[in-house]
Amino acid sequence: MNTLYILYDHTCPHSDRHREWLARQEPLVPLRLLAHRAEEVPCRFPGIEAHLTPRELTVISDDGQLWTGPAASVMCLFMLEQHREFAERLACPLLLPFARTALELLSRDREVLAMQCLFRRSTDAELASILRMNSEVAAQRPHLPPVPVLLTART
């Protein structure tokens, strides 16, 4: 794999924040960030429209592999040197449903240190519980970001 294409919904504030954050990271391979509706998207990826979901990332490798949903969030993190180990952990069945929440928390730069601390000190079950609480808060208050207070590390 030489390039990873990340398609985002430019009308969604969360997707746009993910794009901005990903653009500032150190990737292991070049990342091409494209809006879902960019002119080159249907030309470069014929038939991709069927896989695009509003407010979600879609990830495509230059060799044709496609990731959507939580797997797309994991793949984005996997291609970042600083977050590869975290992505591998998020890929487990218990944590995979919360990959988007983890990406959301990481994309707020102030949460990165707390996430790294949680990653090192928490079991998968504890980490899943924390991510679940954040995703539930976000679902109850869709116009507001998840409450950062829920993101706390064990001592």
Foldseek 3Di string as FASTA:
>chain_A
DAEKEKEFAPVAPLRVLLVVLLVPADFQHHYHYHYPPDPCVCVQPPPCVVVDDHGWMWMADPVGDIDTQLRSLLVSQCRGPVRVVVSVLCPDPLNSNLSSLVSSQVSPVVNVVLVVLQVVQDDSVVVSVLSVQQVVQCVVVVVDHGDCVSSHHDD
